Every structure is written in C-alpha cells, then in structure tokens.
Amino acid sequence: MSRRAALAAGVAVIVLCTAALATLAVTSRAGHLAGRGATPAPTGRAATAADAVVNINGVLPGGRIAGTGMVIAADGIVLTNNHVVQGTESLTGQIAGAGPVYQATVLGVDPTDDVAIVRLEGARGLRTVPLDTNGVVTAGDQVTGIGNALGADGAPVPATGAVTALNETLTVAGESPGIYETLNGLIGISAPIQPGDSGGPLLNSAGDVIGMDTAGVRGASVPINGSLGDAIPITRALSVAHDILSGVTSPYIQSGHSGVLGVSAADITGVDGAAVTSVTPGDAAATAGIVGGDVITSIDGVAIHSHADLTAVRAGRRPGDTVTVVWRDPAGAIHRASIALSPGPPA
C-alpha cells in the first residue's frame, strides 16, 4: 500500500521546513488544538508515557523548528525523527512541557529510516516510555498518538484513532522542491497526527509504545486509505537506535552534532595561524576569552598555520570534548586554555 504525504513533525516557528511539516486538511492552530483538546488527557500507562515525552525545539540557519521525542533511557537518551533535528544548529528539550529545559545533542541519525538519537545534557533519573516490543500490531487496534502538537510546548496533546494499515509505503516531500523520499513498513493510523507531533510515541490501548509518529497527510480533505498519519514500528526504531548508540558502522547512519569552538577564521597574508574573524557568543571560544583579531596557533599540540589546519584538527570532534587551545592576541601575548567544545550542526 503506497501513498504520498508530508513528514509530520517540525513546526517551524519562524521558517517552515517543508520536509519537517505535515499539513492536515483542518483549520487554524486554535482549531487544531481545540479539536484535540476534546480528547481526555492520558491516564494510566498512557500518562506514564506522557511523562516521558520531550518537547524538542531547534535553531535552524533561518529560523526555528519544533517536534517531539520520547525518553528511552533515564540518563536523557531520547528517540525522535531525523527530520526533527535535520539541519539544526542547536537543540533544547523539555519533559512534558514542564520543568528544566535541557540543552540537547544529536548523537546520531539514520535518514533512511528517519530515526535520530538525542541526549539531554545533564539529565538523570528521567522516566522512560513503556515499550511494547513484541511487534504484534493488527488493523483495527485502537491507538493514541501524543506529542508537541503545533509546537505549542505545553503538556503532550493526544490524538486518538485506530490502525488502518500495516506495512505502508509512504512517499514524502523532501527538503528541496520536487524531491521525494520513501519510507517503508509503516503503521497507518486514523489518528490526526499534526505538525509538531513527529518523534512522539504511538500508544496501544494498554498505553505502551508501539510506534513513533512520523507523518501526516498533506492537502487531502479525505484520508487516503483511511490513514491520517503514519508511524515507524517501535521495534525498527529501537533497532536503529541501538546501532547508533553502539557505534555500529553502517552506510545509513551518520554522526550527530559536531563539536565546535564557535569561531570563524581566515588566512591573512604574513600571519602564521588561523586568524579569528568572529566568535559566536556563549560558545566555547567566547567562554575561553578568544575574540576577533586573535590568532589560533595550536590545538592539542598540533600546530595551526592556516584556516585549513584549524578545520582539519576539528574534524570528528564531539560536543563536550576538551581541547587545549593556544592563541595569540593582537598585542602578541600568548594565551592557553582547555576548552569544552560546543554543539555544532550534525555532521
């Protein structure tokens, strides 16, 4: 069974990211939430799942995007969709729309299966979603999708429905006009999955997670094949997550956020080193006291003679990695500092 839809998840707050936005044939933001607000709040094990749902917000080069994730390990490991985090320069996560807002780092992604793993920095003792990993899902099963509907950043909003199809093949709009991608083996559901819901849990009637909400129908006033949304089976998503966390070598898995100093640099004739042209406020270099006009001459004992040297020595670094940086200020004074790298865009 095959149909065309749009990826559900990210509501771009400033810029609408096509590949991360699903549009259902409904009305306004208020109308969406009003309609879903009529659904009772999750109770029982569904409420347990809701307590482990993460509202994800990200900064893109041209704006912001919002989506959902679910906690799968108490130390802040979160499962979500690749298209929620794709292209982000930084991420934050908040559990169930309340409590602390964590800085988040992408540990790895699999664009082919639309799966990503994110770590909430400093998180400990978090509740995890209850998982149903027996893989038994039947057409007609009652389901509930919960997530950060429309990027409202409040408590998880439920959407109820039933399983309408198994093993669906979905053609989804890509980042560029006219480019489409295919996802296979999906669970088709009549629950109205909305922008912002992607990466959230799809629950069975017992309140256990059987899938990860991924896509909703774009521009159709009547559901296609009875489905208003699609979810990746949780068994498959967890298999990809395991590979990412285990460091399995795969042509499909990519590394997550890179570690960066937070500087722009250039080569200047007659200057030995990478000349800093600008510094990102709040990032590693700025915290260490590096400013525009300084010249970076060494990282971890490796001499830096040019911008190319700086780029090469930073390759493969991860957020939180500590490097020793030596730089020269305009007056000729030499400075040295151990710096924990900041999160940069996924590699």
Protein backbone atom coordinates (compact mmCIF):
# COMPACT_ATOMS: atom_id res chain seq x y z
CA MET A 1 0.00 0.00 0.00
CA SER A 2 1.53 3.28 -1.06
CA ARG A 3 0.52 6.91 -0.69
CA ARG A 4 2.03 10.39 -0.70
CA ALA A 5 2.19 12.54 2.40
CA ALA A 6 4.40 15.01 4.20
CA LEU A 7 6.63 14.41 7.17
CA ALA A 8 4.76 15.38 10.24
CA ALA A 9 6.89 16.81 12.70
CA GLY A 10 8.54 20.06 12.95
CA VAL A 11 6.51 23.15 13.25
CA ALA A 12 8.94 25.82 12.17
CA VAL A 13 8.32 28.79 14.39
CA ILE A 14 9.97 31.27 12.04
CA VAL A 15 10.72 29.32 8.89
CA LEU A 16 8.55 26.41 7.74
CA CYS A 17 10.82 23.50 6.92
CA THR A 18 8.95 21.57 4.22
CA ALA A 19 10.44 18.18 4.99
CA ALA A 20 9.51 18.55 8.63
CA LEU A 21 5.96 19.76 8.29
CA ALA A 22 2.75 17.85 7.82
CA THR A 23 -0.40 19.68 6.90
CA LEU A 24 -3.70 18.02 7.61
CA ALA A 25 -6.82 19.34 5.92
CA VAL A 26 -8.10 21.05 9.02
CA THR A 27 -8.22 24.67 10.07
CA SER A 28 -6.16 27.03 12.17
CA ARG A 29 -3.74 26.43 15.04
CA ALA A 30 -6.50 27.17 17.52
CA GLY A 31 -8.84 24.87 15.66
CA HIS A 32 -6.35 22.03 15.75
CA LEU A 33 -5.79 22.25 19.45
CA ALA A 34 -9.44 22.83 20.21
CA GLY A 35 -10.40 19.71 18.34
CA ARG A 36 -7.79 17.60 20.05
CA GLY A 37 -8.46 19.23 23.38
CA ALA A 38 -11.77 17.39 23.44
CA THR A 39 -9.79 14.16 23.87
CA PRO A 40 -9.32 13.24 27.56
CA ALA A 41 -5.84 13.65 28.96
CA PRO A 42 -3.83 10.42 29.05
CA THR A 43 -4.40 8.21 32.09
CA GLY A 44 -2.80 5.03 33.44
CA ARG A 45 0.18 3.78 31.43
CA ALA A 46 -0.63 6.36 28.76
CA ALA A 47 0.01 9.01 31.40
CA THR A 48 3.32 7.27 32.18
CA ALA A 49 4.24 7.62 28.54
CA ALA A 50 3.20 11.28 28.54
CA ASP A 51 5.59 11.91 31.43
CA ALA A 52 8.43 10.73 29.19
CA VAL A 53 7.52 12.79 26.13
CA VAL A 54 10.00 15.53 25.21
CA ASN A 55 9.14 18.82 23.53
CA ILE A 56 12.06 19.46 21.18
CA ASN A 57 12.93 22.90 19.86
CA GLY A 58 15.75 23.60 17.44
CA VAL A 59 17.53 26.52 15.83
CA LEU A 60 17.91 26.37 12.04
CA PRO A 61 20.07 28.70 9.95
CA GLY A 62 16.94 30.64 9.02
CA GLY A 63 14.64 30.12 11.97
CA ARG A 64 13.37 27.58 14.45
CA ILE A 65 11.61 24.23 14.41
CA ALA A 66 9.63 22.20 16.95
CA GLY A 67 8.95 18.49 17.29
CA THR A 68 8.66 15.66 19.79
CA GLY A 69 10.82 12.89 21.24
CA MET A 70 10.48 10.12 23.81
CA VAL A 71 12.85 9.19 26.62
CA ILE A 72 14.20 5.64 26.21
CA ALA A 73 16.93 5.78 28.89
CA ALA A 74 16.85 7.51 32.26
CA ASP A 75 20.10 9.38 31.62
CA GLY A 76 18.48 11.54 28.94
CA ILE A 77 18.63 9.38 25.79
CA VAL A 78 15.75 10.43 23.52
CA LEU A 79 14.37 8.80 20.39
CA THR A 80 12.97 11.08 17.68
CA ASN A 81 12.78 11.53 13.91
CA ASN A 82 15.76 12.57 11.81
CA HIS A 83 13.68 15.27 10.15
CA VAL A 84 13.05 16.87 13.56
CA VAL A 85 16.77 17.51 14.08
CA GLN A 86 17.98 17.75 10.48
CA GLY A 87 19.97 20.92 9.83
CA THR A 88 19.68 22.23 13.39
CA GLU A 89 22.50 24.27 14.87
CA SER A 90 21.31 23.75 18.44
CA LEU A 91 18.52 21.93 20.27
CA THR A 92 16.70 22.03 23.59
CA GLY A 93 14.32 19.56 25.19
CA GLN A 94 11.76 19.80 27.97
CA ILE A 95 9.90 16.88 29.52
CA ALA A 96 6.11 17.07 29.11
CA GLY A 97 6.23 20.84 28.73
CA ALA A 98 7.33 21.44 32.32
CA GLY A 99 10.47 21.54 34.44
CA PRO A 100 14.02 22.23 33.32
CA VAL A 101 14.90 22.96 29.70
CA TYR A 102 17.89 20.82 28.74
CA GLN A 103 20.47 21.53 26.09
CA ALA A 104 20.31 18.62 23.67
CA THR A 105 22.92 17.00 21.46
CA VAL A 106 22.30 14.78 18.45
CA LEU A 107 24.27 11.55 18.92
CA GLY A 108 23.48 10.11 15.51
CA VAL A 109 20.87 9.82 12.78
CA ASP A 110 19.65 7.39 10.15
CA PRO A 111 17.97 9.48 7.42
CA THR A 112 16.89 6.35 5.51
CA ASP A 113 14.69 5.20 8.39
CA ASP A 114 14.05 8.77 9.65
CA VAL A 115 15.41 7.96 13.11
CA ALA A 116 17.60 10.08 15.38
CA ILE A 117 19.00 9.79 18.89
CA VAL A 118 19.37 12.89 21.06
CA ARG A 119 20.92 13.27 24.51
CA LEU A 120 19.52 15.74 27.06
CA GLU A 121 22.70 17.09 28.65
CA GLY A 122 22.88 16.63 32.40
CA ALA A 123 19.60 14.73 32.66
CA ARG A 124 19.41 11.98 35.27
CA GLY A 125 16.66 9.76 36.67
CA LEU A 126 14.14 10.51 33.92
CA ARG A 127 11.05 8.41 33.40
CA THR A 128 11.12 6.30 30.27
CA VAL A 129 8.29 5.39 27.94
CA PRO A 130 6.71 1.94 28.40
CA LEU A 131 7.56 -0.13 25.33
CA ASP A 132 5.69 -2.95 23.62
CA THR A 133 8.38 -4.74 21.63
CA ASN A 134 6.52 -7.94 20.75
CA GLY A 135 5.84 -6.47 17.30
CA VAL A 136 2.20 -7.55 17.23
CA VAL A 137 0.03 -4.82 15.69
CA THR A 138 -3.30 -5.52 13.98
CA ALA A 139 -5.53 -3.43 11.75
CA GLY A 140 -8.35 -2.04 13.85
CA ASP A 141 -6.28 -1.77 17.05
CA GLN A 142 -7.10 1.41 18.98
CA VAL A 143 -4.17 3.80 19.22
CA THR A 144 -3.25 7.20 20.63
CA GLY A 145 -0.52 9.47 19.37
CA ILE A 146 0.79 12.08 21.81
CA GLY A 147 3.14 14.93 21.10
CA ASN A 148 4.02 18.59 20.91
CA ALA A 149 1.10 19.39 18.61
CA LEU A 150 1.77 22.52 16.53
CA GLY A 151 4.82 23.30 18.64
CA ALA A 152 2.66 24.64 21.47
CA ASP A 153 5.29 23.46 24.01
CA GLY A 154 2.71 22.55 26.64
CA ALA A 155 1.72 19.17 28.04
CA PRO A 156 1.56 16.39 25.42
CA VAL A 157 -1.62 16.53 23.37
CA PRO A 158 -3.31 13.21 22.48
CA ALA A 159 -4.82 12.22 19.13
CA THR A 160 -6.87 9.02 19.07
CA GLY A 161 -7.73 6.66 16.25
CA ALA A 162 -7.14 3.14 15.01
CA VAL A 163 -4.63 1.20 12.95
CA THR A 164 -5.83 1.41 9.36
CA ALA A 165 -2.97 -0.29 7.51
CA LEU A 166 0.24 -2.22 8.05
CA ASN A 167 3.43 -2.18 6.01
CA GLU A 168 2.54 1.09 4.32
CA THR A 169 4.95 2.66 1.89
CA LEU A 170 4.93 6.42 2.15
CA THR A 171 6.34 8.91 -0.33
CA VAL A 172 7.26 12.09 1.50
CA ALA A 173 8.26 15.56 0.38
CA GLY A 174 11.98 16.19 0.78
CA GLU A 175 13.90 19.34 1.63
CA SER A 176 14.03 20.52 -1.99
CA PRO A 177 11.07 21.11 -4.35
CA GLY A 178 10.31 18.08 -6.47
CA ILE A 179 12.44 15.77 -4.35
CA TYR A 180 10.68 12.87 -2.63
CA GLU A 181 11.83 10.17 -0.24
CA THR A 182 10.29 6.79 0.56
CA LEU A 183 9.63 5.21 3.94
CA ASN A 184 8.57 1.57 4.08
CA GLY A 185 6.89 -0.74 6.58
CA LEU A 186 4.91 1.98 8.35
CA ILE A 187 1.83 1.69 10.54
CA GLY A 188 -1.07 3.66 9.00
CA ILE A 189 -3.37 5.26 11.57
CA SER A 190 -6.57 7.30 11.59
CA ALA A 191 -5.31 9.44 14.50
CA PRO A 192 -4.83 13.00 13.17
CA ILE A 193 -1.07 13.43 13.52
CA GLN A 194 -0.19 17.11 13.34
CA PRO A 195 2.85 19.32 12.78
CA GLY A 196 4.97 19.14 15.92
CA ASP A 197 3.97 15.52 16.69
CA SER A 198 6.80 13.80 14.83
CA GLY A 199 9.05 11.73 17.03
CA GLY A 200 6.30 11.27 19.60
CA PRO A 201 5.02 7.89 20.80
CA LEU A 202 2.13 5.97 19.27
CA LEU A 203 0.44 4.04 22.09
CA ASN A 204 -1.73 0.94 22.00
CA SER A 205 -4.84 0.54 24.15
CA ALA A 206 -2.66 -0.59 27.08
CA GLY A 207 -0.66 2.64 26.93
CA ASP A 208 2.52 1.03 25.64
CA VAL A 209 4.55 2.45 22.76
CA ILE A 210 4.16 0.52 19.50
CA GLY A 211 5.45 3.17 17.11
CA MET A 212 6.98 6.60 16.56
CA ASP A 213 4.69 9.17 14.91
CA THR A 214 6.28 10.31 11.69
CA ALA A 215 3.94 11.68 9.04
CA GLY A 216 0.52 13.16 8.36
CA VAL A 217 -1.48 13.63 5.20
CA ARG A 218 -0.82 16.84 3.27
CA GLY A 219 -3.63 18.65 1.49
CA ALA A 220 -6.26 15.92 1.50
CA SER A 221 -9.75 16.61 2.81
CA VAL A 222 -10.45 12.86 2.89
CA PRO A 223 -7.99 10.45 4.49
CA ILE A 224 -6.05 8.37 1.97
CA ASN A 225 -6.60 4.63 2.59
CA GLY A 226 -8.27 5.67 5.85
CA SER A 227 -4.98 6.97 7.25
CA LEU A 228 -4.42 10.42 8.70
CA GLY A 229 -0.93 9.61 9.84
CA ASP A 230 1.87 7.07 9.86
CA ALA A 231 4.25 5.72 12.47
CA ILE A 232 7.52 3.81 12.35
CA PRO A 233 7.17 0.49 14.24
CA ILE A 234 8.93 0.86 17.57
CA THR A 235 10.86 -2.38 17.07
CA ARG A 236 12.52 -0.96 13.97
CA ALA A 237 13.16 2.45 15.55
CA LEU A 238 14.77 0.83 18.59
CA SER A 239 16.94 -1.38 16.39
CA VAL A 240 18.30 1.71 14.63
CA ALA A 241 18.71 3.45 17.99
CA HIS A 242 20.76 0.52 19.28
CA ASP A 243 23.03 0.67 16.25
CA ILE A 244 23.56 4.42 16.71
CA LEU A 245 24.34 4.11 20.41
CA SER A 246 26.60 1.10 19.84
CA GLY A 247 28.61 2.87 17.17
CA VAL A 248 27.75 0.29 14.52
CA THR A 249 29.36 1.10 11.18
CA SER A 250 26.66 1.50 8.57
CA PRO A 251 26.31 3.42 5.30
CA TYR A 252 22.94 4.63 6.59
CA ILE A 253 23.98 6.00 9.98
CA GLN A 254 25.51 9.45 10.28
CA SER A 255 27.14 11.15 13.24
CA GLY A 256 25.23 13.74 15.19
CA HIS A 257 26.12 17.23 16.33
CA SER A 258 29.77 18.06 15.84
CA GLY A 259 31.93 19.72 18.48
CA VAL A 260 32.85 23.29 17.59
CA LEU A 261 34.88 26.15 19.03
CA GLY A 262 32.35 28.67 17.79
CA VAL A 263 34.71 30.77 15.70
CA SER A 264 35.00 31.87 12.10
CA ALA A 265 38.56 32.14 10.85
CA ALA A 266 40.53 33.15 7.78
CA ASP A 267 44.03 33.20 6.38
CA ILE A 268 45.85 36.53 6.46
CA THR A 269 48.99 37.06 4.42
CA GLY A 270 52.03 37.16 6.66
CA VAL A 271 50.18 35.76 9.67
CA ASP A 272 51.13 32.28 10.92
CA GLY A 273 47.91 30.72 12.27
CA ALA A 274 44.17 30.89 11.80
CA ALA A 275 43.00 34.47 12.24
CA VAL A 276 39.72 34.70 14.16
CA THR A 277 37.24 36.93 12.32
CA SER A 278 34.22 36.39 14.58
CA VAL A 279 33.20 34.49 17.71
CA THR A 280 29.77 33.03 18.49
CA PRO A 281 28.54 34.46 21.83
CA GLY A 282 28.19 31.79 24.51
CA ASP A 283 30.12 29.12 22.60
CA ALA A 284 33.38 27.53 23.69
CA ALA A 285 35.81 30.08 22.28
CA ALA A 286 33.92 33.06 23.65
CA THR A 287 33.79 31.45 27.10
CA ALA A 288 37.56 30.96 26.99
CA GLY A 289 38.13 34.60 26.10
CA ILE A 290 39.01 34.29 22.42
CA VAL A 291 37.92 37.36 20.45
CA GLY A 292 38.01 38.61 16.89
CA GLY A 293 41.55 39.57 15.89
CA ASP A 294 43.17 36.76 17.90
CA VAL A 295 45.15 34.11 16.01
CA ILE A 296 44.82 30.41 16.90
CA THR A 297 48.26 28.76 16.69
CA SER A 298 47.78 25.31 18.23
CA ILE A 299 45.08 22.78 19.23
CA ASP A 300 46.02 19.80 21.38
CA GLY A 301 49.66 20.30 20.48
CA VAL A 302 49.03 20.32 16.72
CA ALA A 303 50.42 23.46 15.10
CA ILE A 304 47.83 25.58 13.28
CA HIS A 305 49.33 27.53 10.37
CA SER A 306 46.14 28.21 8.41
CA HIS A 307 42.36 28.04 8.37
CA ALA A 308 42.65 24.65 6.64
CA ASP A 309 44.73 23.33 9.55
CA LEU A 310 42.07 24.52 12.00
CA THR A 311 39.32 22.77 10.02
CA ALA A 312 41.31 19.53 9.83
CA VAL A 313 42.12 19.33 13.53
CA ARG A 314 38.49 19.94 14.48
CA ALA A 315 37.19 17.09 12.31
CA GLY A 316 35.50 14.28 14.23
CA ARG A 317 35.25 16.23 17.48
CA ARG A 318 32.09 15.88 19.57
CA PRO A 319 30.30 18.34 21.85
CA GLY A 320 31.86 18.24 25.30
CA ASP A 321 35.26 17.09 24.04
CA THR A 322 38.01 19.06 25.77
CA VAL A 323 40.80 20.54 23.68
CA THR A 324 43.78 22.68 24.63
CA VAL A 325 43.88 25.81 22.51
CA VAL A 326 46.79 28.21 22.18
CA TRP A 327 46.23 31.64 20.63
CA ARG A 328 47.99 34.95 20.19
CA ASP A 329 46.26 38.26 20.78
CA PRO A 330 46.87 41.41 18.67
CA ALA A 331 49.45 42.63 21.18
CA GLY A 332 51.46 39.42 20.74
CA ALA A 333 50.64 37.90 24.13
CA ILE A 334 50.21 34.10 24.16
CA HIS A 335 47.17 32.50 25.83
CA ARG A 336 46.34 28.88 26.56
CA ALA A 337 43.10 27.29 27.75
CA SER A 338 41.37 23.92 27.98
CA ILE A 339 38.01 24.32 26.28
CA ALA A 340 34.96 22.03 26.20
CA LEU A 341 33.59 22.15 22.65
CA SER A 342 30.07 23.41 21.98
CA PRO A 343 27.44 21.61 19.87
CA GLY A 344 27.52 22.42 16.18
CA PRO A 345 25.36 21.24 13.27
CA PRO A 346 25.03 17.48 12.72
CA ALA A 347 27.98 16.27 10.68
